Amino acid sequence: MQSAWRTVSSETVIRDRWIDLRADRCLTPSGAEIAPYYVLGYPDWVHVVALTPARGLVLVRQYRHAAGRSFLELPGGGVDGCDGGTLAAARRELAEETGYTSERWLEVGSLFPNPATHTNRVHSFLALDAVAGGGQELDAGEEGLRVCVMPLCEVIEGLQAGLLGQAMHVASLLLAARMLERL
């Protein structure tokens, strides 16, 4: 097992409600200096694989500015300090983005989106028997977000063709599909 790098100094480049970017000066175990080494601090994220009783997968289509286009995605978002945990954040995000709710939740797993540069984790949940109940309560920047319900098997078949373009969403969906096989 490799030894950890030692952080000699760290300077905040920018910090706001969305991101914490720092430049570290590091020494490897052999003494090589790596500087600056940029680290992105984000809040943890949640993804929700929500299935209706008819095995429809609840998805959202929304614009992603960095890529300059809209993507079909799982409902999800950042864990807020007032959420009281990742499951509470997942419940909130599903309801806010889609209007769907569920009484049956299973934790699917937790992964690092990019451990080379990101400090956060993405926590994936499976919401079974999801039903439409309320209206959307979208955040600023989510205007135009549309809810789409597609057969789960159709979405999984479309993954290789890029139906879901965000890699972490694909990972969350595949982990949930694996869990469904064991239920």
C-alpha atoms as a PDB file:
ATOM      1  CA  MET A   1       0.000   0.000   0.000  1.00  0.00           C
ATOM      2  CA  GLN A   2       1.331   3.421  -0.923  1.00  0.00           C
ATOM      3  CA  SER A   3       1.960   5.996   1.745  1.00  0.00           C
ATOM      4  CA  ALA A   4       0.023   9.231   1.689  1.00  0.00           C
ATOM      5  CA  TRP A   5       1.456  12.453   0.411  1.00  0.00           C
ATOM      6  CA  ARG A   6       2.244  15.077   2.991  1.00  0.00           C
ATOM      7  CA  THR A   7       0.599  18.479   2.553  1.00  0.00           C
ATOM      8  CA  VAL A   8       3.208  21.141   3.323  1.00  0.00           C
ATOM      9  CA  SER A   9       0.935  24.112   2.692  1.00  0.00           C
ATOM     10  CA  SER A  10      -2.515  24.828   1.369  1.00  0.00           C
ATOM     11  CA  GLU A  11      -3.979  28.014  -0.082  1.00  0.00           C
ATOM     12  CA  THR A  12      -7.638  28.673  -0.812  1.00  0.00           C
ATOM     13  CA  VAL A  13      -8.054  29.881  -4.394  1.00  0.00           C
ATOM     14  CA  ILE A  14     -11.829  30.357  -4.226  1.00  0.00           C
ATOM     15  CA  ARG A  15     -14.557  29.336  -1.784  1.00  0.00           C
ATOM     16  CA  ASP A  16     -18.265  29.932  -2.136  1.00  0.00           C
ATOM     17  CA  ARG A  17     -21.474  27.941  -1.732  1.00  0.00           C
ATOM     18  CA  TRP A  18     -20.715  25.821  -4.807  1.00  0.00           C
ATOM     19  CA  ILE A  19     -17.022  25.052  -4.661  1.00  0.00           C
ATOM     20  CA  ASP A  20     -13.919  25.157  -2.533  1.00  0.00           C
ATOM     21  CA  LEU A  21     -10.797  25.190  -4.702  1.00  0.00           C
ATOM     22  CA  ARG A  22      -7.458  24.986  -2.980  1.00  0.00           C
ATOM     23  CA  ALA A  23      -3.864  24.750  -4.166  1.00  0.00           C
ATOM     24  CA  ASP A  24      -1.790  22.362  -2.076  1.00  0.00           C
ATOM     25  CA  ARG A  25       1.975  22.010  -1.939  1.00  0.00           C
ATOM     26  CA  CYS A  26       2.627  18.301  -1.417  1.00  0.00           C
ATOM     27  CA  LEU A  27       5.562  15.993  -0.850  1.00  0.00           C
ATOM     28  CA  THR A  28       5.393  12.385  -1.984  1.00  0.00           C
ATOM     29  CA  PRO A  29       6.876   9.630   0.216  1.00  0.00           C
ATOM     30  CA  SER A  30      10.069   9.768  -1.886  1.00  0.00           C
ATOM     31  CA  GLY A  31      10.360  13.535  -1.344  1.00  0.00           C
ATOM     32  CA  ALA A  32       9.197  14.772  -4.754  1.00  0.00           C
ATOM     33  CA  GLU A  33       7.346  18.081  -4.562  1.00  0.00           C
ATOM     34  CA  ILE A  34       3.988  18.370  -6.326  1.00  0.00           C
ATOM     35  CA  ALA A  35       2.864  21.990  -6.422  1.00  0.00           C
ATOM     36  CA  PRO A  36       0.400  23.339  -7.023  1.00  0.00           C
ATOM     37  CA  TYR A  37      -1.890  20.346  -6.652  1.00  0.00           C
ATOM     38  CA  TYR A  38      -5.455  21.544  -7.070  1.00  0.00           C
ATOM     39  CA  VAL A  39      -8.166  20.002  -4.896  1.00  0.00           C
ATOM     40  CA  LEU A  40     -11.883  20.633  -5.465  1.00  0.00           C
ATOM     41  CA  GLY A  41     -14.024  20.519  -2.350  1.00  0.00           C
ATOM     42  CA  TYR A  42     -17.719  19.938  -2.966  1.00  0.00           C
ATOM     43  CA  PRO A  43     -20.564  18.924  -0.683  1.00  0.00           C
ATOM     44  CA  ASP A  44     -21.508  15.261  -1.013  1.00  0.00           C
ATOM     45  CA  TRP A  45     -24.045  14.462  -3.730  1.00  0.00           C
ATOM     46  CA  VAL A  46     -27.006  12.091  -3.904  1.00  0.00           C
ATOM     47  CA  HIS A  47     -28.481  10.187  -6.854  1.00  0.00           C
ATOM     48  CA  VAL A  48     -31.923   8.594  -6.792  1.00  0.00           C
ATOM     49  CA  VAL A  49     -32.876   5.574  -8.872  1.00  0.00           C
ATOM     50  CA  ALA A  50     -36.660   5.905  -8.471  1.00  0.00           C
ATOM     51  CA  LEU A  51     -38.839   3.135  -9.864  1.00  0.00           C
ATOM     52  CA  THR A  52     -42.601   3.333 -10.242  1.00  0.00           C
ATOM     53  CA  PRO A  53     -44.728   0.244  -9.440  1.00  0.00           C
ATOM     54  CA  ALA A  54     -44.713  -0.502 -13.212  1.00  0.00           C
ATOM     55  CA  ARG A  55     -40.846  -0.421 -13.227  1.00  0.00           C
ATOM     56  CA  GLY A  56     -40.688   2.944 -14.914  1.00  0.00           C
ATOM     57  CA  LEU A  57     -37.487   4.836 -14.121  1.00  0.00           C
ATOM     58  CA  VAL A  58     -38.075   8.441 -13.067  1.00  0.00           C
ATOM     59  CA  LEU A  59     -35.561  10.654 -14.870  1.00  0.00           C
ATOM     60  CA  VAL A  60     -35.056  14.363 -15.422  1.00  0.00           C
ATOM     61  CA  ARG A  61     -33.824  16.198 -18.480  1.00  0.00           C
ATOM     62  CA  GLN A  62     -31.934  19.375 -17.697  1.00  0.00           C
ATOM     63  CA  TYR A  63     -29.462  21.777 -19.220  1.00  0.00           C
ATOM     64  CA  ARG A  64     -25.817  21.442 -18.166  1.00  0.00           C
ATOM     65  CA  HIS A  65     -23.918  24.610 -18.911  1.00  0.00           C
ATOM     66  CA  ALA A  66     -20.355  23.239 -19.019  1.00  0.00           C
ATOM     67  CA  ALA A  67     -21.339  20.805 -21.781  1.00  0.00           C
ATOM     68  CA  GLY A  68     -23.702  23.320 -23.399  1.00  0.00           C
ATOM     69  CA  ARG A  69     -26.617  20.909 -23.753  1.00  0.00           C
ATOM     70  CA  SER A  70     -29.378  19.051 -21.954  1.00  0.00           C
ATOM     71  CA  PHE A  71     -28.888  15.617 -20.426  1.00  0.00           C
ATOM     72  CA  LEU A  72     -31.172  12.838 -19.293  1.00  0.00           C
ATOM     73  CA  GLU A  73     -30.211  12.131 -15.672  1.00  0.00           C
ATOM     74  CA  LEU A  74     -31.238  10.598 -12.393  1.00  0.00           C
ATOM     75  CA  PRO A  75     -32.806  13.023  -9.922  1.00  0.00           C
ATOM     76  CA  GLY A  76     -30.225  14.217  -7.433  1.00  0.00           C
ATOM     77  CA  GLY A  77     -28.113  17.031  -6.134  1.00  0.00           C
ATOM     78  CA  GLY A  78     -26.023  18.298  -3.281  1.00  0.00           C
ATOM     79  CA  VAL A  79     -26.448  17.352   0.349  1.00  0.00           C
ATOM     80  CA  ASP A  80     -27.414  20.474   2.295  1.00  0.00           C
ATOM     81  CA  GLY A  81     -26.257  21.029   5.857  1.00  0.00           C
ATOM     82  CA  CYS A  82     -29.868  21.082   7.037  1.00  0.00           C
ATOM     83  CA  ASP A  83     -30.797  17.761   5.389  1.00  0.00           C
ATOM     84  CA  GLY A  84     -29.957  15.548   8.341  1.00  0.00           C
ATOM     85  CA  GLY A  85     -28.148  12.958   6.244  1.00  0.00           C
ATOM     86  CA  THR A  86     -27.876  11.541   2.779  1.00  0.00           C
ATOM     87  CA  LEU A  87     -31.203   9.682   2.776  1.00  0.00           C
ATOM     88  CA  ALA A  88     -33.030  12.866   3.760  1.00  0.00           C
ATOM     89  CA  ALA A  89     -31.209  14.687   0.946  1.00  0.00           C
ATOM     90  CA  ALA A  90     -32.216  11.977  -1.541  1.00  0.00           C
ATOM     91  CA  ARG A  91     -35.871  12.187  -0.467  1.00  0.00           C
ATOM     92  CA  ARG A  92     -35.774  15.986  -0.767  1.00  0.00           C
ATOM     93  CA  GLU A  93     -34.121  15.986  -4.191  1.00  0.00           C
ATOM     94  CA  LEU A  94     -36.559  13.415  -5.620  1.00  0.00           C
ATOM     95  CA  ALA A  95     -39.564  15.394  -4.396  1.00  0.00           C
ATOM     96  CA  GLU A  96     -38.201  18.802  -5.422  1.00  0.00           C
ATOM     97  CA  GLU A  97     -37.060  17.828  -8.913  1.00  0.00           C
ATOM     98  CA  THR A  98     -39.840  15.422  -9.872  1.00  0.00           C
ATOM     99  CA  GLY A  99     -42.774  15.655  -7.461  1.00  0.00           C
ATOM    100  CA  TYR A 100     -42.361  11.897  -6.838  1.00  0.00           C
ATOM    101  CA  THR A 101     -42.141  10.314  -3.397  1.00  0.00           C
ATOM    102  CA  SER A 102     -41.475   6.823  -2.095  1.00  0.00           C
ATOM    103  CA  GLU A 103     -41.878   4.965   1.186  1.00  0.00           C
ATOM    104  CA  ARG A 104     -39.391   2.201   0.249  1.00  0.00           C
ATOM    105  CA  TRP A 105     -35.756   3.305   0.177  1.00  0.00           C
ATOM    106  CA  LEU A 106     -32.576   1.257  -0.058  1.00  0.00           C
ATOM    107  CA  GLU A 107     -29.024   2.565   0.066  1.00  0.00           C
ATOM    108  CA  VAL A 108     -27.214   1.361  -3.056  1.00  0.00           C
ATOM    109  CA  GLY A 109     -23.673   2.544  -2.390  1.00  0.00           C
ATOM    110  CA  SER A 110     -21.283   5.424  -2.029  1.00  0.00           C
ATOM    111  CA  LEU A 111     -18.508   6.293  -4.484  1.00  0.00           C
ATOM    112  CA  PHE A 112     -15.910   9.007  -4.996  1.00  0.00           C
ATOM    113  CA  PRO A 113     -16.713  10.865  -8.249  1.00  0.00           C
ATOM    114  CA  ASN A 114     -13.020  11.621  -8.829  1.00  0.00           C
ATOM    115  CA  PRO A 115     -10.701  10.879  -5.889  1.00  0.00           C
ATOM    116  CA  ALA A 116      -7.733  12.422  -7.697  1.00  0.00           C
ATOM    117  CA  THR A 117      -9.133  15.929  -7.372  1.00  0.00           C
ATOM    118  CA  HIS A 118     -12.525  15.857  -5.608  1.00  0.00           C
ATOM    119  CA  THR A 119     -13.094  15.505  -1.872  1.00  0.00           C
ATOM    120  CA  ASN A 120     -16.760  14.505  -1.995  1.00  0.00           C
ATOM    121  CA  ARG A 121     -18.718  11.307  -2.395  1.00  0.00           C
ATOM    122  CA  VAL A 122     -21.880  10.481  -4.311  1.00  0.00           C
ATOM    123  CA  HIS A 123     -24.439   8.432  -2.371  1.00  0.00           C
ATOM    124  CA  SER A 124     -26.887   6.412  -4.450  1.00  0.00           C
ATOM    125  CA  PHE A 125     -30.335   5.319  -3.330  1.00  0.00           C
ATOM    126  CA  LEU A 126     -33.049   3.108  -4.764  1.00  0.00           C
ATOM    127  CA  ALA A 127     -36.599   4.394  -4.240  1.00  0.00           C
ATOM    128  CA  LEU A 128     -39.125   1.638  -4.921  1.00  0.00           C
ATOM    129  CA  ASP A 129     -42.820   2.117  -5.746  1.00  0.00           C
ATOM    130  CA  ALA A 130     -42.303   5.832  -6.425  1.00  0.00           C
ATOM    131  CA  VAL A 131     -45.499   7.757  -7.070  1.00  0.00           C
ATOM    132  CA  ALA A 132     -46.177  11.226  -8.400  1.00  0.00           C
ATOM    133  CA  GLY A 133     -47.574  13.264  -5.562  1.00  0.00           C
ATOM    134  CA  GLY A 134     -46.723  16.922  -5.648  1.00  0.00           C
ATOM    135  CA  GLY A 135     -45.391  19.561  -7.951  1.00  0.00           C
ATOM    136  CA  GLN A 136     -41.780  20.370  -8.611  1.00  0.00           C
ATOM    137  CA  GLU A 137     -39.958  22.879  -6.401  1.00  0.00           C
ATOM    138  CA  LEU A 138     -37.034  23.775  -8.609  1.00  0.00           C
ATOM    139  CA  ASP A 139     -33.933  25.675  -7.547  1.00  0.00           C
ATOM    140  CA  ALA A 140     -32.529  28.618  -9.495  1.00  0.00           C
ATOM    141  CA  GLY A 141     -30.781  27.222 -12.542  1.00  0.00           C
ATOM    142  CA  GLU A 142     -33.159  24.257 -12.809  1.00  0.00           C
ATOM    143  CA  GLU A 143     -35.841  26.079 -14.774  1.00  0.00           C
ATOM    144  CA  GLY A 144     -36.879  24.011 -17.750  1.00  0.00           C
ATOM    145  CA  LEU A 145     -36.102  20.734 -15.970  1.00  0.00           C
ATOM    146  CA  ARG A 146     -38.485  18.117 -17.329  1.00  0.00           C
ATOM    147  CA  VAL A 147     -39.533  14.826 -15.742  1.00  0.00           C
ATOM    148  CA  CYS A 148     -39.412  11.731 -17.951  1.00  0.00           C
ATOM    149  CA  VAL A 149     -40.499   8.215 -16.968  1.00  0.00           C
ATOM    150  CA  MET A 150     -39.045   5.450 -19.121  1.00  0.00           C
ATOM    151  CA  PRO A 151     -39.077   1.664 -18.799  1.00  0.00           C
ATOM    152  CA  LEU A 152     -36.038   0.599 -16.768  1.00  0.00           C
ATOM    153  CA  CYS A 153     -35.038  -2.044 -19.314  1.00  0.00           C
ATOM    154  CA  GLU A 154     -35.124   0.560 -22.115  1.00  0.00           C
ATOM    155  CA  VAL A 155     -32.833   2.906 -20.187  1.00  0.00           C
ATOM    156  CA  ILE A 156     -30.346   0.132 -19.393  1.00  0.00           C
ATOM    157  CA  GLU A 157     -30.352  -0.936 -23.049  1.00  0.00           C
ATOM    158  CA  GLY A 158     -29.614   2.658 -24.069  1.00  0.00           C
ATOM    159  CA  LEU A 159     -26.645   3.187 -21.758  1.00  0.00           C
ATOM    160  CA  GLN A 160     -23.986   2.082 -24.228  1.00  0.00           C
ATOM    161  CA  ALA A 161     -25.412   4.452 -26.844  1.00  0.00           C
ATOM    162  CA  GLY A 162     -25.117   7.361 -24.390  1.00  0.00           C
ATOM    163  CA  LEU A 163     -28.751   7.689 -23.293  1.00  0.00           C
ATOM    164  CA  LEU A 164     -27.441   8.896 -19.925  1.00  0.00           C
ATOM    165  CA  GLY A 165     -24.397  11.055 -20.592  1.00  0.00           C
ATOM    166  CA  GLN A 166     -23.140  11.510 -17.028  1.00  0.00           C
ATOM    167  CA  ALA A 167     -20.805   8.718 -15.901  1.00  0.00           C
ATOM    168  CA  MET A 168     -21.684   8.860 -12.200  1.00  0.00           C
ATOM    169  CA  HIS A 169     -25.384   8.551 -13.031  1.00  0.00           C
ATOM    170  CA  VAL A 170     -24.634   5.448 -15.097  1.00  0.00           C
ATOM    171  CA  ALA A 171     -22.664   3.985 -12.186  1.00  0.00           C
ATOM    172  CA  SER A 172     -25.506   4.671  -9.756  1.00  0.00           C
ATOM    173  CA  LEU A 173     -28.059   3.113 -12.095  1.00  0.00           C
ATOM    174  CA  LEU A 174     -25.981  -0.019 -12.682  1.00  0.00           C
ATOM    175  CA  LEU A 175     -25.373  -0.495  -8.950  1.00  0.00           C
ATOM    176  CA  ALA A 176     -29.120  -0.148  -8.321  1.00  0.00           C
ATOM    177  CA  ALA A 177     -29.940  -2.575 -11.156  1.00  0.00           C
ATOM    178  CA  ARG A 178     -27.575  -5.092  -9.583  1.00  0.00           C
ATOM    179  CA  MET A 179     -29.333  -4.653  -6.241  1.00  0.00           C
ATOM    180  CA  LEU A 180     -32.725  -5.152  -7.915  1.00  0.00           C
ATOM    181  CA  GLU A 181     -31.528  -8.533  -9.258  1.00  0.00           C
ATOM    182  CA  ARG A 182     -31.025  -9.689  -5.666  1.00  0.00           C
ATOM    183  CA  LEU A 183     -34.399  -8.480  -4.325  1.00  0.00           C
END
